[in-house]
Amino acid sequence: MLPVRIFAVLPFLVALFFAVTGLFQWLWNITMPEVFNLKRITFWQALRLLLIAGILFGGAHFTWR
């Protein structure tokens, strides 16, 4: 039952991944070049910025026992 559930959820997660990254890229490209005179970014640059922000601002939690 679990593999069927994974294959049912996987397309949704992939679509969510692309939607969030695309939304971040769009927001960056309509805001940052106008306000701070920065360059526009590509999809892959937006993905890397999201990953770095997630690591820096608490996206990775490690516990030591």
C-alpha atoms as a PDB file:
ATOM      1  CA  MET A   1       0.000   0.000   0.000  1.00  0.00           C
ATOM      2  CA  LEU A   2       2.845   2.396   0.781  1.00  0.00           C
ATOM      3  CA  PRO A   3       4.444   2.338  -2.720  1.00  0.00           C
ATOM      4  CA  VAL A   4       1.068   3.165  -4.278  1.00  0.00           C
ATOM      5  CA  ARG A   5       0.684   6.126  -1.934  1.00  0.00           C
ATOM      6  CA  ILE A   6       4.194   7.358  -2.776  1.00  0.00           C
ATOM      7  CA  PHE A   7       3.463   7.243  -6.507  1.00  0.00           C
ATOM      8  CA  ALA A   8       0.191   9.094  -5.921  1.00  0.00           C
ATOM      9  CA  VAL A   9       1.866  11.896  -3.940  1.00  0.00           C
ATOM     10  CA  LEU A  10       5.070  12.191  -5.983  1.00  0.00           C
ATOM     11  CA  PRO A  11       3.576  14.152  -8.933  1.00  0.00           C
ATOM     12  CA  PHE A  12       2.005  16.613  -6.491  1.00  0.00           C
ATOM     13  CA  LEU A  13       5.340  17.153  -4.722  1.00  0.00           C
ATOM     14  CA  VAL A  14       7.175  17.675  -8.017  1.00  0.00           C
ATOM     15  CA  ALA A  15       4.541  20.195  -9.141  1.00  0.00           C
ATOM     16  CA  LEU A  16       4.765  21.974  -5.781  1.00  0.00           C
ATOM     17  CA  PHE A  17       8.570  22.096  -6.076  1.00  0.00           C
ATOM     18  CA  PHE A  18       8.389  23.776  -9.490  1.00  0.00           C
ATOM     19  CA  ALA A  19       5.565  26.111  -8.427  1.00  0.00           C
ATOM     20  CA  VAL A  20       7.354  27.393  -5.311  1.00  0.00           C
ATOM     21  CA  THR A  21      10.627  27.892  -7.167  1.00  0.00           C
ATOM     22  CA  GLY A  22       8.847  29.615 -10.056  1.00  0.00           C
ATOM     23  CA  LEU A  23       6.948  31.878  -7.671  1.00  0.00           C
ATOM     24  CA  PHE A  24      10.179  32.844  -5.912  1.00  0.00           C
ATOM     25  CA  GLN A  25      11.856  33.571  -9.262  1.00  0.00           C
ATOM     26  CA  TRP A  26       8.912  35.680 -10.404  1.00  0.00           C
ATOM     27  CA  LEU A  27       8.803  37.675  -7.162  1.00  0.00           C
ATOM     28  CA  TRP A  28      12.553  38.245  -7.300  1.00  0.00           C
ATOM     29  CA  ASN A  29      12.467  39.360 -10.933  1.00  0.00           C
ATOM     30  CA  ILE A  30       9.631  41.857 -10.421  1.00  0.00           C
ATOM     31  CA  THR A  31      11.032  43.304  -7.179  1.00  0.00           C
ATOM     32  CA  MET A  32      14.811  43.186  -6.876  1.00  0.00           C
ATOM     33  CA  PRO A  33      15.867  44.704 -10.228  1.00  0.00           C
ATOM     34  CA  GLU A  34      13.615  47.712  -9.613  1.00  0.00           C
ATOM     35  CA  VAL A  35      14.360  48.285  -5.936  1.00  0.00           C
ATOM     36  CA  PHE A  36      18.023  47.311  -5.598  1.00  0.00           C
ATOM     37  CA  ASN A  37      19.199  47.403  -9.237  1.00  0.00           C
ATOM     38  CA  LEU A  38      20.079  43.683  -9.175  1.00  0.00           C
ATOM     39  CA  LYS A  39      20.059  41.329 -12.143  1.00  0.00           C
ATOM     40  CA  ARG A  40      17.193  39.012 -13.000  1.00  0.00           C
ATOM     41  CA  ILE A  41      17.684  35.378 -11.994  1.00  0.00           C
ATOM     42  CA  THR A  42      16.985  32.084 -13.733  1.00  0.00           C
ATOM     43  CA  PHE A  43      14.927  29.190 -12.380  1.00  0.00           C
ATOM     44  CA  TRP A  44      18.019  27.289 -11.243  1.00  0.00           C
ATOM     45  CA  GLN A  45      19.457  30.341  -9.513  1.00  0.00           C
ATOM     46  CA  ALA A  46      16.153  30.775  -7.683  1.00  0.00           C
ATOM     47  CA  LEU A  47      16.309  27.136  -6.593  1.00  0.00           C
ATOM     48  CA  ARG A  48      19.824  27.591  -5.236  1.00  0.00           C
ATOM     49  CA  LEU A  49      18.807  30.735  -3.338  1.00  0.00           C
ATOM     50  CA  LEU A  50      15.886  28.860  -1.761  1.00  0.00           C
ATOM     51  CA  LEU A  51      18.178  26.007  -0.719  1.00  0.00           C
ATOM     52  CA  ILE A  52      20.726  28.385   0.808  1.00  0.00           C
ATOM     53  CA  ALA A  53      17.998  30.314   2.647  1.00  0.00           C
ATOM     54  CA  GLY A  54      16.553  27.067   3.971  1.00  0.00           C
ATOM     55  CA  ILE A  55      19.911  25.972   5.321  1.00  0.00           C
ATOM     56  CA  LEU A  56      20.753  29.365   6.838  1.00  0.00           C
ATOM     57  CA  PHE A  57      17.373  30.077   8.422  1.00  0.00           C
ATOM     58  CA  GLY A  58      16.550  26.766  10.035  1.00  0.00           C
ATOM     59  CA  GLY A  59      15.629  24.363   7.271  1.00  0.00           C
ATOM     60  CA  ALA A  60      18.103  21.741   8.492  1.00  0.00           C
ATOM     61  CA  HIS A  61      17.633  20.553  12.076  1.00  0.00           C
ATOM     62  CA  PHE A  62      20.191  18.199  13.525  1.00  0.00           C
ATOM     63  CA  THR A  63      20.025  16.680  16.985  1.00  0.00           C
ATOM     64  CA  TRP A  64      22.988  15.223  18.812  1.00  0.00           C
ATOM     65  CA  ARG A  65      22.335  12.395  21.244  1.00  0.00           C
END
